[in-house]
Structure formats: structure tokens, C-alpha cells
């Protein structure tokens, strides 16, 4: 008698079916892993971008405050010269 791996079902051996299922499972697992890695990278990138935007907003507010202060000082200098 032959092993179950060599039993045929309409031209397909059980061994071929096992290899096909295992290969398909490997491909699906690789695809899922790649998907979740990309999803994580996008999430991390988005978080990093939001942090950078907040930092830029703080810098802009600081610069605007300094510009206002400089404008006031310029006005004071103009007033004292007149």
C-alpha cells in the first residue's frame, strides 16, 4: 500500500494539495505581515508629522511675538527721535 500522500483524487494527490495549501498560507501570511508593517509605518509617520506641525506652530507663535516686540521697540525709537 502507498502512503496517504500518494492517494489520488481525480488526478490530484494529497501531497500536491498539502503543498498548495501550505504555499497559499505562506503567501497570505507574507501579505498580511507586509500590510500590517506598512500600516504601522504610516501611523508612526502620521504621528511624527503631527508632532512636527505642533513644533512649527509653537515656533511660529514665538516668532510672531518677537516681531510684535520689535515693532513696538521701533515705534518707541521713532517716537523718541521726533
Protein backbone atom coordinates (compact mmCIF):
# COMPACT_ATOMS: atom_id res chain seq x y z
CA UNK A 1 0.00 0.00 0.00
CA UNK A 2 1.03 3.53 -0.62
CA UNK A 3 1.00 6.36 1.90
CA UNK A 4 -1.84 8.83 2.10
CA UNK A 5 0.35 11.40 0.38
CA UNK A 6 0.26 9.36 -2.82
CA UNK A 7 -3.51 8.79 -2.86
CA UNK A 8 -5.09 10.46 -5.88
CA UNK A 9 -8.37 12.28 -6.11
CA UNK A 10 -9.21 12.93 -9.77
CA UNK A 11 -5.55 13.41 -10.70
CA UNK A 12 -4.59 15.46 -7.62
CA UNK A 13 -2.51 13.86 -4.98
CA UNK A 14 -2.95 14.70 -1.32
CA UNK A 15 0.71 15.72 -1.27
CA UNK A 16 0.07 18.31 -4.01
CA UNK A 17 -2.93 19.66 -2.11
CA UNK A 18 -0.91 19.97 1.09
CA UNK A 19 1.89 21.80 -0.74
CA UNK A 20 -0.64 24.10 -2.43
CA UNK A 21 -2.41 24.93 0.83
CA UNK A 22 0.90 25.47 2.65
CA UNK A 23 2.19 27.72 -0.15
CA UNK A 24 -1.04 29.71 -0.20
CA UNK A 25 -0.94 30.12 3.57
CA UNK A 26 2.66 31.33 3.36
CA UNK A 27 1.79 33.87 0.67
CA UNK A 28 -1.23 35.14 2.64
CA UNK A 29 0.85 35.40 5.82
CA UNK A 30 3.57 37.34 3.99
CA UNK A 31 0.99 39.70 2.52
CA UNK A 32 -0.69 40.25 5.88
CA UNK A 33 2.67 40.90 7.54
CA UNK A 34 3.61 43.42 4.86
CA UNK A 35 0.20 45.12 5.19
CA UNK A 36 0.46 45.49 8.95
CA UNK A 37 4.06 46.72 8.73
CA UNK A 38 3.06 49.38 6.20
CA UNK A 39 0.04 50.32 8.30
CA UNK A 40 2.26 50.75 11.37
CA UNK A 41 4.79 52.82 9.42
CA UNK A 42 2.03 55.09 8.11
CA UNK A 43 0.66 55.53 11.63
CA UNK A 44 4.12 56.33 13.01
CA UNK A 45 4.76 58.74 10.15
CA UNK A 46 1.43 60.49 10.73
CA UNK A 47 2.16 60.83 14.45
CA UNK A 48 5.63 62.21 13.73
CA UNK A 49 4.19 64.66 11.21
CA UNK A 50 1.60 65.90 13.72
CA UNK A 51 4.33 66.40 16.32
CA UNK A 52 6.41 68.35 13.81
CA UNK A 53 3.38 70.51 12.93
CA UNK A 54 2.85 71.34 16.62
CA UNK A 55 6.51 72.27 16.99
CA UNK A 56 6.28 74.50 13.93
CA UNK A 57 3.15 76.20 15.31
CA UNK A 58 4.96 76.94 18.59
CA UNK A 59 7.95 78.32 16.68
CA UNK A 60 5.65 80.50 14.57
CA UNK A 61 3.88 81.89 17.64
CA UNK A 62 7.26 82.64 19.24
CA UNK A 63 8.46 84.43 16.11
CA UNK A 64 5.22 86.41 15.86
CA UNK A 65 5.66 87.51 19.47
CA UNK A 66 9.21 88.62 18.78
CA UNK A 67 8.12 90.53 15.68
CA UNK A 68 5.48 92.36 17.72
CA UNK A 69 8.06 93.24 20.34
CA UNK A 70 10.47 94.52 17.69
CA UNK A 71 7.71 96.59 16.09
CA UNK A 72 6.94 98.16 19.46
CA UNK A 73 10.60 98.95 20.02
CA UNK A 74 10.84 100.51 16.55
CA UNK A 75 7.82 102.68 17.30
CA UNK A 76 9.37 103.76 20.60
CA UNK A 77 12.60 104.69 18.85
CA UNK A 78 10.69 106.65 16.21
CA UNK A 79 8.74 108.49 18.92
CA UNK A 80 11.89 109.44 20.86
CA UNK A 81 13.59 110.80 17.71
CA UNK A 82 10.72 113.11 16.87
